[in-house]
Amino acid sequence: MFPSDYKTYLTREVTTNGLSNAFFNGLACWYLIKDKGDMIWWGAHSFGVDILATAFILPWIVALIIIPLQKVKLRKQKTFTWDVNNHPDHGMYFLAKRFPEKLWLNAILFGLIGMLFFAPTLLLLIFFSGAEVFTAGEYAIFKGIWAGALAALLTTPMILVGLRSRENA
């Protein structure tokens, strides 16, 4: 898939992005809900709405940061570029080369992927696990881990969107 230097670069980026998002989302969540009581599925203090909102907002913001940052690194030759024609069969390349040129459209698309794919999947898992209520502490830890995982999963396609070779896209 990737030569080892690409793997090292992507591993570092995914790890950094995942861990930082886990920490800051968990901390922000705790700060905002620590005095609100338990989190229920729907209503005033609900985790259902929070998960849906976070699933859109987090990838939207991360895309607005990662994609331009990768383009700057590419211009300064501090990273790699990839030729979309060298990896036509790999799913992540297939996805990345079809994203639009406009940054704001990329951010919206990543937000929609988060909200329409990752959030419903997570909500179904919560539903089938039988969880109905989270304490503030439980939810802050859960949300931090989930937000970190979501950011980590979407980092590589965001990087590829930022680094794709324009003459071959």
N, C-alpha and C. Protein backbone atom coordinates (compact mmCIF):
# COMPACT_ATOMS: atom_id res chain seq x y z
N MET A 1 0.83 -1.20 0.00
CA MET A 1 0.00 0.00 0.00
C MET A 1 0.87 1.25 0.00
N PHE A 2 1.56 1.54 1.08
CA PHE A 2 2.46 2.69 1.18
C PHE A 2 3.87 2.18 1.45
N PRO A 3 4.90 2.80 0.88
CA PRO A 3 6.26 2.48 1.33
C PRO A 3 6.41 2.87 2.80
N SER A 4 7.44 2.36 3.44
CA SER A 4 7.58 2.55 4.89
C SER A 4 7.66 4.02 5.31
N ASP A 5 8.28 4.89 4.51
CA ASP A 5 8.34 6.30 4.91
C ASP A 5 6.96 6.95 4.88
N TYR A 6 6.11 6.53 3.99
CA TYR A 6 4.73 7.03 3.98
C TYR A 6 3.98 6.53 5.21
N LYS A 7 4.20 5.26 5.52
CA LYS A 7 3.54 4.68 6.69
C LYS A 7 3.96 5.41 7.97
N THR A 8 5.23 5.73 8.08
CA THR A 8 5.71 6.45 9.26
C THR A 8 5.07 7.82 9.36
N TYR A 9 5.02 8.52 8.25
CA TYR A 9 4.41 9.85 8.21
C TYR A 9 2.93 9.78 8.59
N LEU A 10 2.20 8.87 7.94
CA LEU A 10 0.77 8.74 8.20
C LEU A 10 0.50 8.27 9.63
N THR A 11 1.31 7.35 10.13
CA THR A 11 1.13 6.88 11.50
C THR A 11 1.30 8.01 12.49
N ARG A 12 2.31 8.83 12.28
CA ARG A 12 2.54 9.98 13.18
C ARG A 12 1.37 10.97 13.11
N GLU A 13 0.91 11.27 11.93
CA GLU A 13 -0.20 12.21 11.76
C GLU A 13 -1.50 11.67 12.37
N VAL A 14 -1.80 10.41 12.11
CA VAL A 14 -3.02 9.79 12.63
C VAL A 14 -2.97 9.74 14.16
N THR A 15 -1.83 9.33 14.70
CA THR A 15 -1.68 9.22 16.15
C THR A 15 -1.80 10.58 16.82
N THR A 16 -1.10 11.57 16.30
CA THR A 16 -1.15 12.91 16.87
C THR A 16 -2.56 13.48 16.82
N ASN A 17 -3.20 13.35 15.69
CA ASN A 17 -4.56 13.89 15.53
C ASN A 17 -5.55 13.14 16.41
N GLY A 18 -5.46 11.83 16.44
CA GLY A 18 -6.38 11.04 17.26
C GLY A 18 -6.24 11.33 18.74
N LEU A 19 -5.01 11.34 19.24
CA LEU A 19 -4.79 11.58 20.67
C LEU A 19 -5.16 13.00 21.08
N SER A 20 -4.80 13.98 20.26
CA SER A 20 -5.12 15.36 20.63
C SER A 20 -6.64 15.59 20.61
N ASN A 21 -7.33 15.02 19.64
CA ASN A 21 -8.78 15.16 19.61
C ASN A 21 -9.44 14.41 20.75
N ALA A 22 -8.91 13.26 21.12
CA ALA A 22 -9.46 12.51 22.27
C ALA A 22 -9.33 13.35 23.54
N PHE A 23 -8.16 13.89 23.76
CA PHE A 23 -7.92 14.67 24.98
C PHE A 23 -8.80 15.92 25.02
N PHE A 24 -8.75 16.73 23.97
CA PHE A 24 -9.46 18.01 24.00
C PHE A 24 -10.98 17.85 23.94
N ASN A 25 -11.47 16.87 23.20
CA ASN A 25 -12.92 16.64 23.18
C ASN A 25 -13.42 16.10 24.50
N GLY A 26 -12.69 15.19 25.10
CA GLY A 26 -13.08 14.67 26.41
C GLY A 26 -13.06 15.77 27.47
N LEU A 27 -12.03 16.58 27.45
CA LEU A 27 -11.90 17.69 28.41
C LEU A 27 -13.01 18.72 28.20
N ALA A 28 -13.26 19.11 26.96
CA ALA A 28 -14.32 20.09 26.67
C ALA A 28 -15.68 19.53 27.07
N CYS A 29 -15.90 18.27 26.78
CA CYS A 29 -17.17 17.64 27.14
C CYS A 29 -17.35 17.67 28.66
N TRP A 30 -16.33 17.28 29.39
CA TRP A 30 -16.42 17.28 30.86
C TRP A 30 -16.71 18.68 31.39
N TYR A 31 -16.01 19.66 30.86
CA TYR A 31 -16.19 21.05 31.30
C TYR A 31 -17.63 21.51 31.06
N LEU A 32 -18.19 21.14 29.92
CA LEU A 32 -19.53 21.61 29.55
C LEU A 32 -20.66 20.87 30.25
N ILE A 33 -20.46 19.61 30.63
CA ILE A 33 -21.58 18.84 31.17
C ILE A 33 -21.41 18.41 32.63
N LYS A 34 -20.31 18.73 33.25
CA LYS A 34 -20.04 18.20 34.60
C LYS A 34 -21.12 18.56 35.61
N ASP A 35 -21.79 19.66 35.44
CA ASP A 35 -22.83 20.09 36.39
C ASP A 35 -24.25 19.87 35.85
N LYS A 36 -24.38 19.22 34.72
CA LYS A 36 -25.69 19.08 34.07
C LYS A 36 -26.44 17.81 34.47
N GLY A 37 -25.78 16.88 35.12
CA GLY A 37 -26.44 15.62 35.46
C GLY A 37 -26.20 14.56 34.41
N ASP A 38 -27.02 13.53 34.46
CA ASP A 38 -26.86 12.40 33.54
C ASP A 38 -27.24 12.78 32.12
N MET A 39 -26.60 12.08 31.17
CA MET A 39 -26.89 12.25 29.74
C MET A 39 -27.82 11.12 29.33
N ILE A 40 -28.94 11.48 28.71
CA ILE A 40 -29.91 10.50 28.23
C ILE A 40 -29.90 10.49 26.70
N TRP A 41 -30.67 9.60 26.10
CA TRP A 41 -30.70 9.48 24.65
C TRP A 41 -31.11 10.78 23.95
N TRP A 42 -32.27 11.34 24.30
CA TRP A 42 -32.77 12.54 23.63
C TRP A 42 -33.32 13.48 24.68
N GLY A 43 -33.29 14.76 24.40
CA GLY A 43 -33.82 15.74 25.33
C GLY A 43 -32.80 16.83 25.61
N ALA A 44 -33.00 17.53 26.74
CA ALA A 44 -32.17 18.68 27.08
C ALA A 44 -30.69 18.31 27.23
N HIS A 45 -30.40 17.23 27.88
CA HIS A 45 -29.01 16.79 28.09
C HIS A 45 -28.84 15.43 27.45
N SER A 46 -28.82 15.40 26.11
CA SER A 46 -28.85 14.12 25.42
C SER A 46 -27.54 13.82 24.70
N PHE A 47 -27.17 12.56 24.74
CA PHE A 47 -25.97 12.15 24.02
C PHE A 47 -26.27 11.88 22.55
N GLY A 48 -27.52 11.56 22.19
CA GLY A 48 -27.86 11.32 20.79
C GLY A 48 -27.60 12.53 19.91
N VAL A 49 -28.12 13.66 20.34
CA VAL A 49 -27.92 14.91 19.58
C VAL A 49 -26.45 15.30 19.59
N ASP A 50 -25.78 15.15 20.74
CA ASP A 50 -24.37 15.51 20.84
C ASP A 50 -23.51 14.67 19.90
N ILE A 51 -23.79 13.38 19.81
CA ILE A 51 -23.03 12.51 18.92
C ILE A 51 -23.25 12.91 17.46
N LEU A 52 -24.49 13.18 17.08
CA LEU A 52 -24.77 13.61 15.71
C LEU A 52 -24.07 14.92 15.38
N ALA A 53 -24.14 15.88 16.29
CA ALA A 53 -23.50 17.18 16.06
C ALA A 53 -21.98 17.04 16.00
N THR A 54 -21.41 16.30 16.93
CA THR A 54 -19.96 16.12 16.96
C THR A 54 -19.48 15.38 15.71
N ALA A 55 -20.27 14.42 15.24
CA ALA A 55 -19.89 13.64 14.06
C ALA A 55 -19.82 14.50 12.81
N PHE A 56 -20.54 15.61 12.78
CA PHE A 56 -20.43 16.54 11.66
C PHE A 56 -19.35 17.60 11.93
N ILE A 57 -19.41 18.23 13.08
CA ILE A 57 -18.53 19.37 13.37
C ILE A 57 -17.07 18.96 13.47
N LEU A 58 -16.77 17.86 14.14
CA LEU A 58 -15.37 17.45 14.31
C LEU A 58 -14.67 17.21 12.97
N PRO A 59 -15.20 16.36 12.08
CA PRO A 59 -14.51 16.18 10.79
C PRO A 59 -14.48 17.46 9.95
N TRP A 60 -15.50 18.27 10.06
CA TRP A 60 -15.54 19.54 9.33
C TRP A 60 -14.36 20.42 9.75
N ILE A 61 -14.18 20.58 11.06
CA ILE A 61 -13.07 21.41 11.57
C ILE A 61 -11.72 20.79 11.26
N VAL A 62 -11.60 19.49 11.48
CA VAL A 62 -10.32 18.81 11.24
C VAL A 62 -9.93 18.91 9.78
N ALA A 63 -10.89 18.75 8.87
CA ALA A 63 -10.60 18.89 7.44
C ALA A 63 -10.13 20.30 7.10
N LEU A 64 -10.74 21.30 7.73
CA LEU A 64 -10.34 22.70 7.48
C LEU A 64 -8.91 22.97 7.97
N ILE A 65 -8.40 22.14 8.85
CA ILE A 65 -7.03 22.29 9.35
C ILE A 65 -6.07 21.40 8.57
N ILE A 66 -6.40 20.12 8.45
CA ILE A 66 -5.45 19.15 7.88
C ILE A 66 -5.19 19.38 6.40
N ILE A 67 -6.23 19.60 5.61
CA ILE A 67 -6.04 19.70 4.16
C ILE A 67 -5.14 20.88 3.79
N PRO A 68 -5.38 22.10 4.29
CA PRO A 68 -4.47 23.20 3.96
C PRO A 68 -3.06 22.99 4.54
N LEU A 69 -2.98 22.40 5.72
CA LEU A 69 -1.67 22.15 6.33
C LEU A 69 -0.85 21.19 5.47
N GLN A 70 -1.49 20.19 4.91
CA GLN A 70 -0.77 19.25 4.04
C GLN A 70 -0.32 19.94 2.75
N LYS A 71 -1.14 20.84 2.24
CA LYS A 71 -0.75 21.58 1.03
C LYS A 71 0.46 22.46 1.29
N VAL A 72 0.51 23.08 2.47
CA VAL A 72 1.68 23.89 2.85
C VAL A 72 2.91 23.00 2.96
N LYS A 73 2.78 21.87 3.63
CA LYS A 73 3.89 20.93 3.76
C LYS A 73 4.36 20.45 2.39
N LEU A 74 3.43 20.23 1.49
CA LEU A 74 3.77 19.79 0.14
C LEU A 74 4.55 20.87 -0.61
N ARG A 75 4.11 22.12 -0.50
CA ARG A 75 4.82 23.22 -1.15
C ARG A 75 6.23 23.37 -0.59
N LYS A 76 6.39 23.16 0.69
CA LYS A 76 7.71 23.26 1.34
C LYS A 76 8.51 21.97 1.22
N GLN A 77 7.97 20.99 0.53
CA GLN A 77 8.59 19.68 0.33
C GLN A 77 8.94 18.99 1.65
N LYS A 78 8.03 19.10 2.61
CA LYS A 78 8.21 18.45 3.90
C LYS A 78 7.34 17.20 4.02
N THR A 79 6.76 16.78 2.93
CA THR A 79 5.93 15.58 2.92
C THR A 79 5.98 14.98 1.52
N PHE A 80 5.15 14.02 1.26
CA PHE A 80 5.12 13.35 -0.03
C PHE A 80 3.91 13.80 -0.83
N THR A 81 3.96 13.57 -2.13
CA THR A 81 2.79 13.72 -2.97
C THR A 81 2.46 12.33 -3.50
N TRP A 82 1.30 12.16 -3.98
CA TRP A 82 0.97 10.87 -4.58
C TRP A 82 0.27 11.08 -5.90
N ASP A 83 0.57 10.19 -6.79
CA ASP A 83 0.00 10.22 -8.12
C ASP A 83 -1.25 9.34 -8.09
N VAL A 84 -2.39 9.91 -8.36
CA VAL A 84 -3.64 9.17 -8.27
C VAL A 84 -3.68 7.98 -9.23
N ASN A 85 -2.87 8.02 -10.27
CA ASN A 85 -2.87 6.92 -11.23
C ASN A 85 -2.04 5.72 -10.76
N ASN A 86 -1.20 5.89 -9.71
CA ASN A 86 -0.38 4.79 -9.22
C ASN A 86 -1.13 3.85 -8.29
N HIS A 87 -2.28 4.26 -7.76
CA HIS A 87 -3.02 3.45 -6.81
C HIS A 87 -4.51 3.45 -7.16
N PRO A 88 -4.85 3.05 -8.38
CA PRO A 88 -6.25 3.16 -8.78
C PRO A 88 -7.20 2.20 -8.06
N ASP A 89 -6.68 1.09 -7.52
CA ASP A 89 -7.57 0.09 -6.94
C ASP A 89 -7.75 0.22 -5.43
N HIS A 90 -6.92 0.98 -4.78
CA HIS A 90 -7.01 1.09 -3.32
C HIS A 90 -8.17 2.01 -2.94
N GLY A 91 -9.02 1.58 -2.04
CA GLY A 91 -10.24 2.31 -1.70
C GLY A 91 -10.02 3.72 -1.22
N MET A 92 -8.98 3.94 -0.40
CA MET A 92 -8.76 5.27 0.14
C MET A 92 -8.31 6.24 -0.95
N TYR A 93 -7.48 5.76 -1.88
CA TYR A 93 -7.07 6.60 -3.00
C TYR A 93 -8.27 6.89 -3.90
N PHE A 94 -9.07 5.86 -4.12
CA PHE A 94 -10.27 6.00 -4.95
C PHE A 94 -11.16 7.10 -4.40
N LEU A 95 -11.36 7.10 -3.08
CA LEU A 95 -12.19 8.12 -2.43
C LEU A 95 -11.53 9.50 -2.52
N ALA A 96 -10.26 9.58 -2.16
CA ALA A 96 -9.58 10.88 -2.08
C ALA A 96 -9.49 11.58 -3.43
N LYS A 97 -9.27 10.82 -4.49
CA LYS A 97 -9.12 11.48 -5.79
C LYS A 97 -10.45 12.00 -6.33
N ARG A 98 -11.56 11.59 -5.74
CA ARG A 98 -12.87 12.05 -6.20
C ARG A 98 -13.42 13.23 -5.40
N PHE A 99 -12.70 13.63 -4.38
CA PHE A 99 -13.15 14.80 -3.62
C PHE A 99 -12.93 16.06 -4.44
N PRO A 100 -13.75 17.08 -4.20
CA PRO A 100 -13.65 18.31 -5.00
C PRO A 100 -12.39 19.12 -4.66
N GLU A 101 -12.13 20.12 -5.46
CA GLU A 101 -10.97 21.00 -5.24
C GLU A 101 -11.20 22.00 -4.11
N LYS A 102 -12.41 22.42 -3.91
CA LYS A 102 -12.72 23.46 -2.92
C LYS A 102 -12.63 22.92 -1.50
N LEU A 103 -11.89 23.62 -0.66
CA LEU A 103 -11.69 23.22 0.72
C LEU A 103 -13.01 23.14 1.47
N TRP A 104 -13.87 24.14 1.33
CA TRP A 104 -15.12 24.15 2.08
C TRP A 104 -16.03 22.99 1.70
N LEU A 105 -15.99 22.56 0.43
CA LEU A 105 -16.76 21.38 0.01
C LEU A 105 -16.18 20.10 0.62
N ASN A 106 -14.84 20.03 0.66
CA ASN A 106 -14.20 18.88 1.30
C ASN A 106 -14.60 18.79 2.76
N ALA A 107 -14.58 19.92 3.46
CA ALA A 107 -14.92 19.94 4.88
C ALA A 107 -16.37 19.49 5.08
N ILE A 108 -17.27 19.97 4.25
CA ILE A 108 -18.68 19.57 4.36
C ILE A 108 -18.83 18.07 4.07
N LEU A 109 -18.13 17.58 3.06
CA LEU A 109 -18.23 16.15 2.74
C LEU A 109 -17.72 15.28 3.89
N PHE A 110 -16.59 15.66 4.48
CA PHE A 110 -16.09 14.89 5.62
C PHE A 110 -17.06 14.98 6.80
N GLY A 111 -17.66 16.15 7.01
CA GLY A 111 -18.66 16.28 8.05
C GLY A 111 -19.87 15.39 7.80
N LEU A 112 -20.31 15.33 6.56
CA LEU A 112 -21.45 14.47 6.21
C LEU A 112 -21.10 12.99 6.37
N ILE A 113 -19.88 12.62 6.01
CA ILE A 113 -19.44 11.23 6.22
C ILE A 113 -19.51 10.90 7.70
N GLY A 114 -19.03 11.81 8.54
CA GLY A 114 -19.09 11.58 9.98
C GLY A 114 -20.51 11.45 10.48
N MET A 115 -21.36 12.37 10.05
CA MET A 115 -22.74 12.41 10.56
C MET A 115 -23.62 11.30 9.98
N LEU A 116 -23.42 10.94 8.73
CA LEU A 116 -24.31 9.98 8.08
C LEU A 116 -23.81 8.53 8.15
N PHE A 117 -22.53 8.34 8.45
CA PHE A 117 -22.01 6.98 8.55
C PHE A 117 -21.56 6.64 9.97
N PHE A 118 -20.64 7.43 10.51
CA PHE A 118 -20.06 7.09 11.81
C PHE A 118 -21.04 7.30 12.97
N ALA A 119 -21.81 8.37 12.97
CA ALA A 119 -22.75 8.62 14.07
C ALA A 119 -23.84 7.56 14.13
N PRO A 120 -24.52 7.24 13.03
CA PRO A 120 -25.55 6.20 13.13
C PRO A 120 -24.98 4.84 13.56
N THR A 121 -23.78 4.53 13.09
CA THR A 121 -23.15 3.27 13.49
C THR A 121 -22.93 3.25 15.00
N LEU A 122 -22.40 4.34 15.53
CA LEU A 122 -22.16 4.42 16.97
C LEU A 122 -23.48 4.38 17.75
N LEU A 123 -24.47 5.12 17.30
CA LEU A 123 -25.76 5.14 17.99
C LEU A 123 -26.41 3.75 17.99
N LEU A 124 -26.27 3.02 16.90
CA LEU A 124 -26.80 1.65 16.86
C LEU A 124 -26.06 0.75 17.85
N LEU A 125 -24.75 0.91 17.93
CA LEU A 125 -23.97 0.11 18.89
C LEU A 125 -24.39 0.43 20.32
N ILE A 126 -24.60 1.69 20.61
CA ILE A 126 -25.06 2.08 21.96
C ILE A 126 -26.44 1.49 22.22
N PHE A 127 -27.32 1.60 21.23
CA PHE A 127 -28.68 1.08 21.38
C PHE A 127 -28.66 -0.42 21.66
N PHE A 128 -27.91 -1.16 20.86
CA PHE A 128 -27.87 -2.62 21.03
C PHE A 128 -27.12 -3.06 22.28
N SER A 129 -26.27 -2.18 22.81
CA SER A 129 -25.58 -2.51 24.07
C SER A 129 -26.53 -2.35 25.26
N GLY A 130 -27.63 -1.64 25.06
CA GLY A 130 -28.60 -1.43 26.13
C GLY A 130 -28.33 -0.22 26.99
N ALA A 131 -27.33 0.57 26.64
CA ALA A 131 -27.02 1.78 27.42
C ALA A 131 -28.12 2.81 27.22
N GLU A 132 -28.58 3.38 28.32
CA GLU A 132 -29.66 4.37 28.25
C GLU A 132 -29.24 5.71 28.85
N VAL A 133 -28.28 5.66 29.77
CA VAL A 133 -27.87 6.86 30.50
C VAL A 133 -26.35 6.81 30.71
N PHE A 134 -25.72 7.98 30.58
CA PHE A 134 -24.31 8.14 30.92
C PHE A 134 -24.21 9.17 32.03
N THR A 135 -23.35 8.95 33.00
CA THR A 135 -23.03 10.02 33.94
C THR A 135 -22.14 11.00 33.18
N ALA A 136 -21.95 12.17 33.72
CA ALA A 136 -21.10 13.17 33.06
C ALA A 136 -19.68 12.63 32.86
N GLY A 137 -19.14 12.00 33.86
CA GLY A 137 -17.78 11.46 33.76
C GLY A 137 -17.69 10.35 32.73
N GLU A 138 -18.65 9.44 32.76
CA GLU A 138 -18.66 8.34 31.78
C GLU A 138 -18.76 8.88 30.36
N TYR A 139 -19.64 9.85 30.18
CA TYR A 139 -19.83 10.38 28.83
C TYR A 139 -18.60 11.16 28.35
N ALA A 140 -17.97 11.91 29.23
CA ALA A 140 -16.78 12.66 28.84
C ALA A 140 -15.67 11.71 28.39
N ILE A 141 -15.48 10.62 29.13
CA ILE A 141 -14.47 9.63 28.74
C ILE A 141 -14.86 8.96 27.42
N PHE A 142 -16.11 8.53 27.33
CA PHE A 142 -16.61 7.90 26.12
C PHE A 142 -16.47 8.82 24.91
N LYS A 143 -16.88 10.07 25.08
CA LYS A 143 -16.83 11.00 23.96
C LYS A 143 -15.40 11.30 23.55
N GLY A 144 -14.51 11.43 24.52
CA GLY A 144 -13.12 11.66 24.20
C GLY A 144 -12.54 10.53 23.37
N ILE A 145 -12.79 9.30 23.79
CA ILE A 145 -12.29 8.13 23.05
C ILE A 145 -12.91 8.07 21.66
N TRP A 146 -14.23 8.28 21.58
CA TRP A 146 -14.89 8.22 20.30
C TRP A 146 -14.43 9.34 19.36
N ALA A 147 -14.30 10.56 19.87
CA ALA A 147 -13.86 11.68 19.04
C ALA A 147 -12.43 11.45 18.54
N GLY A 148 -11.58 10.91 19.40
CA GLY A 148 -10.22 10.59 18.97
C GLY A 148 -10.20 9.54 17.88
N ALA A 149 -11.02 8.51 18.04
CA ALA A 149 -11.10 7.45 17.02
C ALA A 149 -11.64 8.00 15.71
N LEU A 150 -12.67 8.83 15.77
CA LEU A 150 -13.25 9.42 14.57
C LEU A 150 -12.22 10.28 13.84
N ALA A 151 -11.53 11.13 14.59
CA ALA A 151 -10.50 11.98 13.98
C ALA A 151 -9.38 11.13 13.38
N ALA A 152 -8.96 10.10 14.09
CA ALA A 152 -7.88 9.24 13.59
C ALA A 152 -8.30 8.52 12.31
N LEU A 153 -9.53 8.01 12.27
CA LEU A 153 -10.00 7.29 11.09
C LEU A 153 -10.07 8.18 9.85
N LEU A 154 -10.39 9.44 10.04
CA LEU A 154 -10.54 10.33 8.89
C LEU A 154 -9.27 11.09 8.52
N THR A 155 -8.24 10.98 9.33
CA THR A 155 -7.00 11.72 9.06
C THR A 155 -6.35 11.31 7.75
N THR A 156 -6.19 10.01 7.52
CA THR A 156 -5.50 9.57 6.30
C THR A 156 -6.22 10.03 5.03
N PRO A 157 -7.54 9.85 4.90
CA PRO A 157 -8.16 10.36 3.67
C PRO A 157 -8.06 11.89 3.55
N MET A 158 -8.09 12.59 4.67
CA MET A 158 -7.92 14.06 4.61
C MET A 158 -6.52 14.41 4.12
N ILE A 159 -5.52 13.70 4.62
CA ILE A 159 -4.14 13.93 4.17
C ILE A 159 -4.03 13.66 2.67
N LEU A 160 -4.60 12.56 2.22
CA LEU A 160 -4.52 12.23 0.79
C LEU A 160 -5.23 13.27 -0.07
N VAL A 161 -6.33 13.81 0.41
CA VAL A 161 -7.01 14.87 -0.33
C VAL A 161 -6.08 16.09 -0.44
N GLY A 162 -5.39 16.42 0.64
CA GLY A 162 -4.48 17.56 0.63
C GLY A 162 -3.23 17.34 -0.20
N LEU A 163 -2.78 16.10 -0.33
CA LEU A 163 -1.50 15.81 -1.00
C LEU A 163 -1.63 15.30 -2.42
N ARG A 164 -2.83 15.10 -2.88
CA ARG A 164 -2.96 14.52 -4.21
C ARG A 164 -2.33 15.42 -5.26
N SER A 165 -1.74 14.80 -6.24
CA SER A 165 -1.09 15.50 -7.33
C SER A 165 -2.15 16.13 -8.22
N ARG A 166 -2.15 17.43 -8.33
CA ARG A 166 -3.18 18.14 -9.08
C ARG A 166 -3.14 17.84 -10.57
N GLU A 167 -1.97 17.63 -11.14
CA GLU A 167 -1.91 17.37 -12.56
C GLU A 167 -2.47 16.00 -12.92
N ASN A 168 -2.62 15.11 -11.93
CA ASN A 168 -3.16 13.79 -12.20
C ASN A 168 -4.54 13.58 -11.60
N ALA A 169 -5.06 14.56 -10.91
CA ALA A 169 -6.35 14.37 -10.21
C ALA A 169 -7.51 14.44 -11.16
